[in-house]
């Protein structure tokens, strides 16, 4: 599943990675809105072949503004699409399906702590053995074959988990710059008034009005 498909399922502005395709979906909506403005302003007639033709526009200035806006939106769309493609290429390079940054962080945590179930099993068996024989010494306890086997599995799981966590962290390090670059573009799309309010020139203009 692509990042765009993930965003279509659940638009997520808070997730560092899914924020970018979420903004792209919003961009597509904004482009359609501007195209609708052009259609509403169009004077259309049927030619001799029954094909509709645009004869002109009711308000050419309004149409020009919409066309300029579409051009600007398409430029931002191309930037976001390029970043999304780079992110998906990173996932592909690591042999993983595209996922949110939240899920990637969760997988890193799981691999960093991969052996808790085995540790609990070891603890349960150790308590059982001590319950059956309170005089059991620690060397005798750890000489138990079942405990030794589980401890070996736990050690292997920890090593395996650490390697996978390190691999996933490298993937995350590759995704973060792309996400941050896309985030600044996404903010302009998802929260256009926020930038207006924080722009010093705009604030000065509002104060002098």
N, C-alpha and C. Protein backbone atom coordinates (compact mmCIF):
# COMPACT_ATOMS: atom_id res chain seq x y z
N UNK A 1 0.84 -1.19 0.00
CA UNK A 1 0.00 0.00 0.00
C UNK A 1 0.88 1.25 0.00
N UNK A 2 0.54 2.22 -0.83
CA UNK A 2 1.33 3.44 -0.93
C UNK A 2 1.01 4.40 0.22
N UNK A 3 1.87 5.40 0.40
CA UNK A 3 1.62 6.41 1.44
C UNK A 3 0.34 7.18 1.15
N UNK A 4 0.07 7.41 -0.13
CA UNK A 4 -1.14 8.13 -0.51
C UNK A 4 -2.39 7.32 -0.15
N UNK A 5 -2.33 6.02 -0.37
CA UNK A 5 -3.45 5.15 -0.01
C UNK A 5 -3.65 5.11 1.50
N UNK A 6 -2.55 5.11 2.25
CA UNK A 6 -2.64 5.17 3.71
C UNK A 6 -3.30 6.46 4.16
N UNK A 7 -2.94 7.56 3.51
CA UNK A 7 -3.52 8.86 3.85
C UNK A 7 -5.00 8.92 3.47
N UNK A 8 -5.37 8.26 2.38
CA UNK A 8 -6.78 8.23 1.97
C UNK A 8 -7.63 7.49 3.00
N UNK A 9 -7.04 6.45 3.60
CA UNK A 9 -7.77 5.69 4.64
C UNK A 9 -7.98 6.52 5.90
N UNK A 10 -6.92 7.23 6.28
CA UNK A 10 -7.00 8.01 7.52
C UNK A 10 -6.09 9.22 7.41
N UNK A 11 -6.67 10.33 7.05
CA UNK A 11 -5.87 11.55 6.93
C UNK A 11 -5.28 11.88 8.31
N UNK A 12 -3.99 12.11 8.29
CA UNK A 12 -3.30 12.30 9.57
C UNK A 12 -2.31 13.45 9.44
N UNK A 13 -2.68 14.61 10.00
CA UNK A 13 -1.81 15.77 9.95
C UNK A 13 -0.74 15.73 11.04
N UNK A 14 -0.96 14.90 12.06
CA UNK A 14 -0.02 14.87 13.18
C UNK A 14 1.16 13.94 12.91
N UNK A 15 0.93 12.90 12.11
CA UNK A 15 2.02 11.97 11.81
C UNK A 15 3.00 12.66 10.86
N UNK A 16 4.28 12.67 11.25
CA UNK A 16 5.29 13.41 10.49
C UNK A 16 5.35 12.98 9.03
N UNK A 17 5.12 11.70 8.77
CA UNK A 17 5.23 11.19 7.40
C UNK A 17 3.91 11.27 6.64
N UNK A 18 2.80 10.89 7.26
CA UNK A 18 1.50 10.89 6.58
C UNK A 18 0.96 12.31 6.35
N UNK A 19 1.54 13.28 7.04
CA UNK A 19 1.13 14.67 6.85
C UNK A 19 1.35 15.10 5.40
N UNK A 20 2.40 14.59 4.76
CA UNK A 20 2.73 14.99 3.39
C UNK A 20 1.68 14.49 2.39
N UNK A 21 1.36 13.19 2.35
CA UNK A 21 0.31 12.75 1.43
C UNK A 21 -1.07 13.30 1.79
N UNK A 22 -1.30 13.57 3.08
CA UNK A 22 -2.56 14.20 3.48
C UNK A 22 -2.69 15.58 2.85
N UNK A 23 -1.59 16.31 2.83
CA UNK A 23 -1.58 17.64 2.20
C UNK A 23 -1.80 17.52 0.70
N UNK A 24 -1.24 16.48 0.09
CA UNK A 24 -1.41 16.29 -1.35
C UNK A 24 -2.88 16.04 -1.68
N UNK A 25 -3.56 15.26 -0.85
CA UNK A 25 -5.00 15.02 -1.06
C UNK A 25 -5.79 16.32 -0.96
N UNK A 26 -5.41 17.15 0.01
CA UNK A 26 -6.08 18.45 0.17
C UNK A 26 -5.78 19.34 -1.04
N UNK A 27 -4.58 19.26 -1.57
CA UNK A 27 -4.21 20.03 -2.76
C UNK A 27 -5.11 19.68 -3.93
N UNK A 28 -5.34 18.39 -4.12
CA UNK A 28 -6.20 17.95 -5.22
C UNK A 28 -7.60 18.55 -5.09
N UNK A 29 -8.09 18.63 -3.84
CA UNK A 29 -9.41 19.23 -3.60
C UNK A 29 -9.40 20.72 -3.95
N UNK A 30 -8.31 21.40 -3.59
CA UNK A 30 -8.20 22.84 -3.87
C UNK A 30 -8.11 23.08 -5.37
N UNK A 31 -7.40 22.22 -6.09
CA UNK A 31 -7.29 22.35 -7.54
C UNK A 31 -8.67 22.19 -8.19
N UNK A 32 -9.44 21.22 -7.72
CA UNK A 32 -10.80 21.00 -8.26
C UNK A 32 -11.68 22.22 -7.99
N UNK A 33 -11.53 22.82 -6.82
CA UNK A 33 -12.31 24.03 -6.48
C UNK A 33 -12.00 25.16 -7.46
N UNK A 34 -10.73 25.33 -7.80
CA UNK A 34 -10.36 26.39 -8.75
C UNK A 34 -10.84 26.05 -10.16
N UNK A 35 -10.80 24.77 -10.52
CA UNK A 35 -11.30 24.36 -11.83
C UNK A 35 -12.80 24.59 -11.94
N UNK A 36 -13.50 24.40 -10.82
CA UNK A 36 -14.95 24.65 -10.79
C UNK A 36 -15.24 26.13 -11.02
N UNK A 37 -14.39 26.99 -10.46
CA UNK A 37 -14.57 28.43 -10.66
C UNK A 37 -14.46 28.77 -12.15
N UNK A 38 -13.46 28.17 -12.82
CA UNK A 38 -13.28 28.42 -14.25
C UNK A 38 -14.49 27.93 -15.04
N UNK A 39 -15.00 26.74 -14.69
CA UNK A 39 -16.17 26.20 -15.37
C UNK A 39 -17.39 27.10 -15.18
N UNK A 40 -17.57 27.60 -13.96
CA UNK A 40 -18.72 28.47 -13.67
C UNK A 40 -18.66 29.77 -14.45
N UNK A 41 -17.43 30.24 -14.70
CA UNK A 41 -17.26 31.50 -15.43
C UNK A 41 -17.24 31.32 -16.94
N UNK A 42 -17.21 30.07 -17.40
CA UNK A 42 -17.09 29.81 -18.84
C UNK A 42 -18.42 30.02 -19.56
N UNK A 43 -18.34 30.62 -20.72
CA UNK A 43 -19.50 30.76 -21.62
C UNK A 43 -19.33 29.68 -22.69
N UNK A 44 -20.20 28.69 -22.64
CA UNK A 44 -20.04 27.50 -23.49
C UNK A 44 -21.17 27.42 -24.52
N UNK A 45 -20.79 27.03 -25.73
CA UNK A 45 -21.77 26.86 -26.80
C UNK A 45 -21.43 25.58 -27.57
N UNK A 46 -22.43 25.01 -28.20
CA UNK A 46 -22.23 23.81 -29.01
C UNK A 46 -21.90 24.21 -30.45
N UNK A 47 -20.88 23.62 -31.02
CA UNK A 47 -20.59 23.91 -32.43
C UNK A 47 -21.45 23.03 -33.34
N UNK A 48 -21.19 23.09 -34.63
CA UNK A 48 -22.01 22.36 -35.60
C UNK A 48 -21.94 20.85 -35.41
N UNK A 49 -20.84 20.37 -34.82
CA UNK A 49 -20.68 18.93 -34.59
C UNK A 49 -21.24 18.49 -33.24
N UNK A 50 -21.80 19.43 -32.51
CA UNK A 50 -22.36 19.10 -31.21
C UNK A 50 -21.32 19.00 -30.11
N UNK A 51 -20.15 19.57 -30.39
CA UNK A 51 -19.07 19.55 -29.39
C UNK A 51 -19.07 20.89 -28.65
N UNK A 52 -19.05 20.87 -27.31
CA UNK A 52 -19.05 22.13 -26.56
C UNK A 52 -17.75 22.91 -26.75
N UNK A 53 -17.89 24.23 -26.93
CA UNK A 53 -16.74 25.11 -27.09
C UNK A 53 -16.85 26.27 -26.11
N UNK A 54 -15.70 26.69 -25.56
CA UNK A 54 -15.68 27.83 -24.66
C UNK A 54 -15.52 29.09 -25.51
N UNK A 55 -16.55 29.96 -25.48
CA UNK A 55 -16.53 31.19 -26.27
C UNK A 55 -15.85 32.33 -25.53
N UNK A 56 -15.86 32.25 -24.22
CA UNK A 56 -15.26 33.31 -23.41
C UNK A 56 -15.58 33.09 -21.95
N UNK A 57 -15.35 34.13 -21.17
CA UNK A 57 -15.59 34.04 -19.73
C UNK A 57 -16.39 35.24 -19.24
N UNK A 58 -17.26 35.00 -18.30
CA UNK A 58 -18.06 36.06 -17.73
C UNK A 58 -17.18 37.08 -17.00
N UNK A 59 -16.19 36.56 -16.26
CA UNK A 59 -15.25 37.42 -15.53
C UNK A 59 -13.84 36.90 -15.79
N UNK A 60 -13.19 37.52 -16.77
CA UNK A 60 -11.86 37.06 -17.18
C UNK A 60 -10.84 37.21 -16.07
N UNK A 61 -11.00 38.25 -15.23
CA UNK A 61 -10.06 38.47 -14.13
C UNK A 61 -10.15 37.33 -13.11
N UNK A 62 -11.37 36.91 -12.82
CA UNK A 62 -11.60 35.81 -11.87
C UNK A 62 -10.99 34.52 -12.41
N UNK A 63 -11.13 34.29 -13.71
CA UNK A 63 -10.60 33.09 -14.35
C UNK A 63 -9.07 33.12 -14.31
N UNK A 64 -8.49 34.28 -14.58
CA UNK A 64 -7.03 34.41 -14.56
C UNK A 64 -6.49 34.12 -13.16
N UNK A 65 -7.17 34.64 -12.14
CA UNK A 65 -6.76 34.37 -10.76
C UNK A 65 -6.81 32.87 -10.46
N UNK A 66 -7.88 32.21 -10.94
CA UNK A 66 -8.03 30.77 -10.71
C UNK A 66 -6.93 29.99 -11.43
N UNK A 67 -6.59 30.42 -12.65
CA UNK A 67 -5.54 29.74 -13.41
C UNK A 67 -4.17 29.87 -12.74
N UNK A 68 -3.90 31.07 -12.22
CA UNK A 68 -2.64 31.30 -11.51
C UNK A 68 -2.57 30.45 -10.24
N UNK A 69 -3.72 30.36 -9.56
CA UNK A 69 -3.79 29.56 -8.34
C UNK A 69 -3.56 28.08 -8.65
N UNK A 70 -4.14 27.61 -9.73
CA UNK A 70 -3.95 26.20 -10.14
C UNK A 70 -2.48 25.95 -10.46
N UNK A 71 -1.84 26.89 -11.13
CA UNK A 71 -0.42 26.72 -11.47
C UNK A 71 0.43 26.63 -10.20
N UNK A 72 0.11 27.48 -9.22
CA UNK A 72 0.85 27.47 -7.95
C UNK A 72 0.61 26.17 -7.20
N UNK A 73 -0.65 25.72 -7.19
CA UNK A 73 -0.99 24.47 -6.49
C UNK A 73 -0.34 23.27 -7.16
N UNK A 74 -0.30 23.28 -8.49
CA UNK A 74 0.33 22.17 -9.21
C UNK A 74 1.84 22.12 -8.94
N UNK A 75 2.45 23.28 -8.75
CA UNK A 75 3.87 23.33 -8.42
C UNK A 75 4.13 22.69 -7.06
N UNK A 76 3.29 23.04 -6.09
CA UNK A 76 3.41 22.45 -4.75
C UNK A 76 3.11 20.95 -4.80
N UNK A 77 2.15 20.58 -5.64
CA UNK A 77 1.81 19.16 -5.76
C UNK A 77 3.00 18.36 -6.28
N UNK A 78 3.69 18.92 -7.26
CA UNK A 78 4.86 18.23 -7.82
C UNK A 78 5.95 18.05 -6.77
N UNK A 79 6.13 19.07 -5.92
CA UNK A 79 7.13 18.98 -4.86
C UNK A 79 6.77 17.89 -3.86
N UNK A 80 5.51 17.86 -3.44
CA UNK A 80 5.06 16.85 -2.48
C UNK A 80 5.13 15.45 -3.08
N UNK A 81 4.73 15.33 -4.33
CA UNK A 81 4.75 14.02 -4.99
C UNK A 81 6.18 13.48 -5.08
N UNK A 82 7.15 14.37 -5.36
CA UNK A 82 8.54 13.95 -5.45
C UNK A 82 9.04 13.46 -4.09
N UNK A 83 8.64 14.14 -3.02
CA UNK A 83 9.05 13.72 -1.67
C UNK A 83 8.41 12.39 -1.28
N UNK A 84 7.15 12.21 -1.65
CA UNK A 84 6.46 10.95 -1.37
C UNK A 84 7.13 9.80 -2.12
N UNK A 85 7.49 10.05 -3.37
CA UNK A 85 8.17 9.01 -4.17
C UNK A 85 9.52 8.64 -3.54
N UNK A 86 10.23 9.64 -3.03
CA UNK A 86 11.52 9.36 -2.37
C UNK A 86 11.31 8.53 -1.10
N UNK A 87 10.27 8.87 -0.35
CA UNK A 87 9.99 8.13 0.89
C UNK A 87 9.63 6.68 0.58
N UNK A 88 8.81 6.48 -0.44
CA UNK A 88 8.41 5.12 -0.81
C UNK A 88 9.60 4.33 -1.35
N UNK A 89 10.52 5.02 -2.03
CA UNK A 89 11.73 4.36 -2.52
C UNK A 89 12.60 3.91 -1.35
N UNK A 90 12.61 4.70 -0.28
CA UNK A 90 13.37 4.33 0.92
C UNK A 90 12.80 3.06 1.54
N UNK A 91 11.48 2.99 1.67
CA UNK A 91 10.84 1.78 2.20
C UNK A 91 11.18 0.57 1.32
N UNK A 92 11.13 0.79 0.02
CA UNK A 92 11.42 -0.31 -0.92
C UNK A 92 12.86 -0.78 -0.77
N UNK A 93 13.78 0.16 -0.59
CA UNK A 93 15.20 -0.19 -0.42
C UNK A 93 15.42 -1.04 0.83
N UNK A 94 14.59 -0.83 1.84
CA UNK A 94 14.71 -1.60 3.08
C UNK A 94 13.81 -2.83 3.08
N UNK A 95 13.15 -3.07 1.95
CA UNK A 95 12.30 -4.26 1.84
C UNK A 95 11.07 -4.22 2.73
N UNK A 96 10.54 -3.02 2.94
CA UNK A 96 9.39 -2.86 3.84
C UNK A 96 8.25 -2.16 3.12
N UNK A 97 6.99 -2.45 3.50
CA UNK A 97 5.86 -1.71 2.94
C UNK A 97 5.82 -0.30 3.53
N UNK A 98 5.24 0.62 2.81
CA UNK A 98 5.11 1.99 3.32
C UNK A 98 4.25 1.97 4.58
N UNK A 99 4.62 2.81 5.54
CA UNK A 99 3.88 2.88 6.80
C UNK A 99 4.00 4.27 7.39
N UNK A 100 3.19 4.57 8.38
CA UNK A 100 3.26 5.86 9.06
C UNK A 100 4.52 5.90 9.92
N UNK A 101 4.94 7.11 10.29
CA UNK A 101 6.08 7.25 11.18
C UNK A 101 5.74 6.67 12.55
N UNK A 102 4.49 6.79 12.94
CA UNK A 102 4.03 6.25 14.22
C UNK A 102 4.24 4.74 14.28
N UNK A 103 3.86 4.05 13.20
CA UNK A 103 4.03 2.59 13.15
C UNK A 103 5.51 2.21 13.09
N UNK A 104 6.29 2.99 12.37
CA UNK A 104 7.73 2.73 12.29
C UNK A 104 8.37 2.85 13.67
N UNK A 105 7.99 3.88 14.42
CA UNK A 105 8.50 4.05 15.79
C UNK A 105 8.11 2.87 16.67
N UNK A 106 6.88 2.40 16.48
CA UNK A 106 6.39 1.26 17.26
C UNK A 106 7.21 0.00 16.97
N UNK A 107 7.54 -0.20 15.70
CA UNK A 107 8.36 -1.37 15.32
C UNK A 107 9.77 -1.27 15.89
N UNK A 108 10.29 -0.06 15.93
CA UNK A 108 11.63 0.13 16.52
C UNK A 108 11.60 -0.24 17.99
N UNK A 109 10.58 0.24 18.70
CA UNK A 109 10.46 -0.06 20.14
C UNK A 109 10.29 -1.57 20.37
N UNK A 110 9.47 -2.21 19.55
CA UNK A 110 9.24 -3.65 19.70
C UNK A 110 10.54 -4.44 19.53
N UNK A 111 11.35 -4.03 18.58
CA UNK A 111 12.60 -4.75 18.33
C UNK A 111 13.66 -4.44 19.39
N UNK A 112 13.61 -3.25 19.96
CA UNK A 112 14.54 -2.91 21.03
C UNK A 112 14.23 -3.68 22.31
N UNK A 113 12.98 -4.11 22.43
CA UNK A 113 12.57 -4.88 23.61
C UNK A 113 11.87 -6.15 23.12
N UNK A 114 12.63 -6.99 22.43
CA UNK A 114 12.03 -8.11 21.71
C UNK A 114 11.82 -9.36 22.55
N UNK A 115 12.43 -9.42 23.72
CA UNK A 115 12.39 -10.69 24.45
C UNK A 115 11.65 -10.65 25.78
N UNK A 116 10.66 -9.79 25.98
CA UNK A 116 9.99 -9.75 27.29
C UNK A 116 9.21 -11.02 27.61
N UNK A 117 8.58 -11.64 26.60
CA UNK A 117 7.80 -12.86 26.84
C UNK A 117 8.71 -14.00 27.29
N UNK A 118 9.87 -14.12 26.66
CA UNK A 118 10.81 -15.18 27.05
C UNK A 118 11.32 -14.93 28.47
N UNK A 119 11.57 -13.64 28.79
CA UNK A 119 12.04 -13.30 30.14
C UNK A 119 10.99 -13.66 31.18
N UNK A 120 9.71 -13.45 30.85
CA UNK A 120 8.63 -13.80 31.77
C UNK A 120 8.56 -15.32 31.96
N UNK A 121 8.76 -16.07 30.88
CA UNK A 121 8.76 -17.53 30.98
C UNK A 121 9.90 -18.01 31.87
N UNK A 122 11.07 -17.39 31.70
CA UNK A 122 12.23 -17.75 32.53
C UNK A 122 11.93 -17.48 34.00
N UNK A 123 11.31 -16.34 34.25
CA UNK A 123 10.97 -15.95 35.62
C UNK A 123 9.97 -16.92 36.24
N UNK A 124 8.96 -17.32 35.45
CA UNK A 124 7.93 -18.24 35.96
C UNK A 124 8.55 -19.60 36.30
N UNK A 125 9.40 -20.10 35.41
CA UNK A 125 10.04 -21.42 35.64
C UNK A 125 10.97 -21.36 36.84
N UNK A 126 11.73 -20.27 36.97
CA UNK A 126 12.65 -20.12 38.10
C UNK A 126 11.88 -20.11 39.41
N UNK A 127 10.76 -19.39 39.45
CA UNK A 127 9.95 -19.34 40.69
C UNK A 127 9.35 -20.71 41.01
N UNK A 128 8.95 -21.43 39.95
CA UNK A 128 8.39 -22.76 40.15
C UNK A 128 9.44 -23.71 40.74
N UNK A 129 10.65 -23.66 40.18
CA UNK A 129 11.73 -24.53 40.66
C UNK A 129 12.12 -24.21 42.10
N UNK A 130 12.15 -22.90 42.41
CA UNK A 130 12.49 -22.50 43.79
C UNK A 130 11.36 -22.85 44.75
N UNK A 131 10.12 -22.81 44.23
CA UNK A 131 8.99 -23.19 45.08
C UNK A 131 9.01 -24.67 45.41
N UNK A 132 9.44 -25.47 44.44
CA UNK A 132 9.51 -26.92 44.65
C UNK A 132 10.71 -27.30 45.51
N UNK A 133 11.77 -26.49 45.41
CA UNK A 133 12.99 -26.80 46.17
C UNK A 133 13.63 -25.49 46.66
N UNK A 134 13.16 -24.98 47.80
CA UNK A 134 13.67 -23.70 48.32
C UNK A 134 15.18 -23.70 48.59
N UNK A 135 15.77 -24.88 48.76
CA UNK A 135 17.20 -24.96 49.05
C UNK A 135 18.06 -24.91 47.79
N UNK A 136 17.42 -24.78 46.64
CA UNK A 136 18.14 -24.77 45.37
C UNK A 136 19.07 -23.57 45.30
N UNK A 137 20.34 -23.82 44.99
CA UNK A 137 21.31 -22.72 44.87
C UNK A 137 21.21 -22.10 43.48
N UNK A 138 21.74 -20.87 43.33
CA UNK A 138 21.70 -20.19 42.03
C UNK A 138 22.43 -20.98 40.94
N UNK A 139 23.63 -21.53 41.21
CA UNK A 139 24.28 -22.33 40.17
C UNK A 139 23.44 -23.53 39.75
N UNK A 140 22.77 -24.15 40.73
CA UNK A 140 21.90 -25.29 40.40
C UNK A 140 20.69 -24.84 39.60
N UNK A 141 20.18 -23.66 39.98
CA UNK A 141 19.01 -23.12 39.28
C UNK A 141 19.34 -22.84 37.82
N UNK A 142 20.45 -22.17 37.59
CA UNK A 142 20.80 -21.79 36.22
C UNK A 142 21.39 -22.95 35.42
N UNK A 143 21.62 -24.08 36.09
CA UNK A 143 22.06 -25.27 35.37
C UNK A 143 20.89 -26.02 34.76
N UNK A 144 19.68 -25.59 35.11
CA UNK A 144 18.48 -26.24 34.56
C UNK A 144 18.48 -26.11 33.03
N UNK A 145 18.29 -27.24 32.34
CA UNK A 145 18.38 -27.26 30.88
C UNK A 145 17.32 -26.38 30.22
N UNK A 146 16.10 -26.41 30.76
CA UNK A 146 15.02 -25.61 30.18
C UNK A 146 15.32 -24.13 30.30
N UNK A 147 15.84 -23.74 31.48
CA UNK A 147 16.20 -22.33 31.66
C UNK A 147 17.35 -21.93 30.75
N UNK A 148 18.32 -22.80 30.60
CA UNK A 148 19.45 -22.50 29.72
C UNK A 148 19.00 -22.32 28.27
N UNK A 149 18.08 -23.18 27.85
CA UNK A 149 17.57 -23.09 26.48
C UNK A 149 16.82 -21.78 26.26
N UNK A 150 15.97 -21.43 27.24
CA UNK A 150 15.20 -20.18 27.13
C UNK A 150 16.11 -18.96 27.19
N UNK A 151 17.13 -19.03 28.03
CA UNK A 151 18.06 -17.90 28.14
C UNK A 151 18.82 -17.73 26.82
N UNK A 152 19.14 -18.85 26.17
CA UNK A 152 19.80 -18.78 24.86
C UNK A 152 18.89 -18.13 23.83
N UNK A 153 17.61 -18.51 23.86
CA UNK A 153 16.64 -17.91 22.94
C UNK A 153 16.47 -16.42 23.21
N UNK A 154 16.45 -16.06 24.50
CA UNK A 154 16.29 -14.65 24.88
C UNK A 154 17.48 -13.83 24.38
N UNK A 155 18.67 -14.35 24.56
CA UNK A 155 19.87 -13.63 24.11
C UNK A 155 19.85 -13.45 22.60
N UNK A 156 19.45 -14.53 21.89
CA UNK A 156 19.39 -14.46 20.43
C UNK A 156 18.35 -13.44 19.98
N UNK A 157 17.20 -13.42 20.69
CA UNK A 157 16.13 -12.48 20.34
C UNK A 157 16.58 -11.04 20.57
N UNK A 158 17.32 -10.80 21.65
CA UNK A 158 17.81 -9.46 21.95
C UNK A 158 18.77 -8.99 20.86
N UNK A 159 19.68 -9.88 20.44
CA UNK A 159 20.65 -9.53 19.40
C UNK A 159 19.94 -9.27 18.07
N UNK A 160 19.02 -10.18 17.73
CA UNK A 160 18.26 -10.03 16.49
C UNK A 160 17.44 -8.74 16.50
N UNK A 161 16.79 -8.49 17.65
CA UNK A 161 15.98 -7.27 17.77
C UNK A 161 16.81 -6.01 17.66
N UNK A 162 17.98 -6.03 18.27
CA UNK A 162 18.86 -4.86 18.23
C UNK A 162 19.30 -4.56 16.79
N UNK A 163 19.60 -5.62 16.03
CA UNK A 163 20.02 -5.45 14.64
C UNK A 163 18.87 -4.87 13.80
N UNK A 164 17.66 -5.42 14.01
CA UNK A 164 16.51 -4.94 13.24
C UNK A 164 16.16 -3.51 13.63
N UNK A 165 16.25 -3.20 14.93
CA UNK A 165 15.98 -1.83 15.40
C UNK A 165 16.96 -0.86 14.77
N UNK A 166 18.22 -1.25 14.71
CA UNK A 166 19.25 -0.39 14.10
C UNK A 166 18.95 -0.16 12.62
N UNK A 167 18.47 -1.20 11.95
CA UNK A 167 18.13 -1.08 10.53
C UNK A 167 16.94 -0.12 10.34
N UNK A 168 15.93 -0.26 11.21
CA UNK A 168 14.76 0.60 11.12
C UNK A 168 15.09 2.04 11.46
N UNK A 169 16.02 2.24 12.38
CA UNK A 169 16.44 3.59 12.74
C UNK A 169 17.13 4.26 11.54
N UNK A 170 17.90 3.49 10.79
CA UNK A 170 18.55 4.02 9.59
C UNK A 170 17.49 4.45 8.57
N UNK A 171 16.43 3.66 8.45
CA UNK A 171 15.33 4.02 7.56
C UNK A 171 14.68 5.31 8.04
N UNK A 172 14.44 5.39 9.34
CA UNK A 172 13.81 6.60 9.90
C UNK A 172 14.68 7.83 9.65
N UNK A 173 15.99 7.68 9.83
CA UNK A 173 16.91 8.79 9.59
C UNK A 173 16.85 9.27 8.14
N UNK A 174 16.55 8.36 7.25
CA UNK A 174 16.43 8.72 5.83
C UNK A 174 15.09 9.41 5.54
N UNK A 175 14.07 9.05 6.31
CA UNK A 175 12.73 9.60 6.08
C UNK A 175 12.53 10.97 6.72
N UNK A 176 13.19 11.21 7.85
CA UNK A 176 12.96 12.45 8.60
C UNK A 176 13.22 13.71 7.77
N UNK A 177 14.36 13.82 7.05
CA UNK A 177 14.57 15.04 6.24
C UNK A 177 13.49 15.25 5.18
N UNK A 178 13.03 14.16 4.56
CA UNK A 178 11.97 14.25 3.56
C UNK A 178 10.68 14.73 4.20
N UNK A 179 10.38 14.19 5.39
CA UNK A 179 9.15 14.56 6.09
C UNK A 179 9.18 16.02 6.52
N UNK A 180 10.33 16.48 7.00
CA UNK A 180 10.44 17.87 7.46
C UNK A 180 10.33 18.84 6.28
N UNK A 181 10.94 18.47 5.17
CA UNK A 181 10.84 19.32 3.98
C UNK A 181 9.39 19.40 3.50
N UNK A 182 8.73 18.25 3.50
CA UNK A 182 7.33 18.23 3.07
C UNK A 182 6.40 18.90 4.06
N UNK A 183 6.78 18.88 5.34
CA UNK A 183 5.92 19.45 6.39
C UNK A 183 5.72 20.95 6.21
N UNK A 184 6.78 21.66 5.82
CA UNK A 184 6.66 23.11 5.64
C UNK A 184 5.72 23.45 4.49
N UNK A 185 5.77 22.63 3.43
CA UNK A 185 4.85 22.82 2.30
C UNK A 185 3.43 22.45 2.73
N UNK A 186 3.32 21.34 3.47
CA UNK A 186 2.01 20.86 3.92
C UNK A 186 1.32 21.88 4.81
N UNK A 187 2.08 22.54 5.68
CA UNK A 187 1.48 23.54 6.58
C UNK A 187 0.83 24.67 5.81
N UNK A 188 1.47 25.09 4.71
CA UNK A 188 0.90 26.16 3.89
C UNK A 188 -0.43 25.73 3.26
N UNK A 189 -0.55 24.43 2.99
CA UNK A 189 -1.77 23.91 2.34
C UNK A 189 -2.86 23.62 3.36
N UNK A 190 -2.47 22.97 4.45
CA UNK A 190 -3.47 22.55 5.45
C UNK A 190 -3.88 23.69 6.37
N UNK A 191 -2.96 24.63 6.60
CA UNK A 191 -3.26 25.75 7.51
C UNK A 191 -2.81 27.06 6.89
N UNK A 192 -3.45 27.49 5.80
CA UNK A 192 -3.01 28.71 5.10
C UNK A 192 -3.10 29.97 5.95
N UNK A 193 -4.10 30.04 6.84
CA UNK A 193 -4.27 31.26 7.65
C UNK A 193 -3.24 31.36 8.76
N UNK A 194 -2.69 30.21 9.16
CA UNK A 194 -1.69 30.23 10.22
C UNK A 194 -0.46 31.00 9.77
N UNK A 195 -0.04 30.78 8.52
CA UNK A 195 1.13 31.48 7.99
C UNK A 195 0.83 32.97 7.86
N UNK A 196 -0.40 33.29 7.46
CA UNK A 196 -0.79 34.68 7.28
C UNK A 196 -0.70 35.44 8.60
N UNK A 197 -1.13 34.76 9.69
CA UNK A 197 -1.16 35.40 11.01
C UNK A 197 0.25 35.58 11.57
N UNK A 198 1.16 34.65 11.22
CA UNK A 198 2.52 34.73 11.76
C UNK A 198 3.48 35.49 10.87
N UNK A 199 3.02 35.92 9.68
CA UNK A 199 3.87 36.66 8.76
C UNK A 199 4.01 38.10 9.25
N UNK A 200 5.24 38.57 9.57
CA UNK A 200 5.44 39.92 10.12
C UNK A 200 4.88 41.01 9.21
N UNK A 201 5.05 40.85 7.89
CA UNK A 201 4.54 41.85 6.95
C UNK A 201 3.02 41.92 7.01
N UNK A 202 2.39 40.74 7.13
CA UNK A 202 0.93 40.68 7.20
C UNK A 202 0.43 41.28 8.51
N UNK A 203 1.13 41.02 9.60
CA UNK A 203 0.75 41.56 10.91
C UNK A 203 0.82 43.09 10.88
N UNK A 204 1.90 43.63 10.27
CA UNK A 204 2.07 45.08 10.17
C UNK A 204 0.96 45.69 9.34
N UNK A 205 0.59 44.99 8.25
CA UNK A 205 -0.48 45.47 7.38
C UNK A 205 -1.82 45.50 8.11
N UNK A 206 -2.08 44.45 8.94
CA UNK A 206 -3.34 44.38 9.68
C UNK A 206 -3.41 45.47 10.74
N UNK A 207 -2.27 45.76 11.38
CA UNK A 207 -2.24 46.79 12.43
C UNK A 207 -2.47 48.19 11.87
N UNK A 208 -1.98 48.41 10.64
CA UNK A 208 -2.09 49.73 10.06
C UNK A 208 -3.44 49.96 9.37
N UNK A 209 -4.22 48.87 9.24
CA UNK A 209 -5.52 48.98 8.55
C UNK A 209 -6.53 49.76 9.38
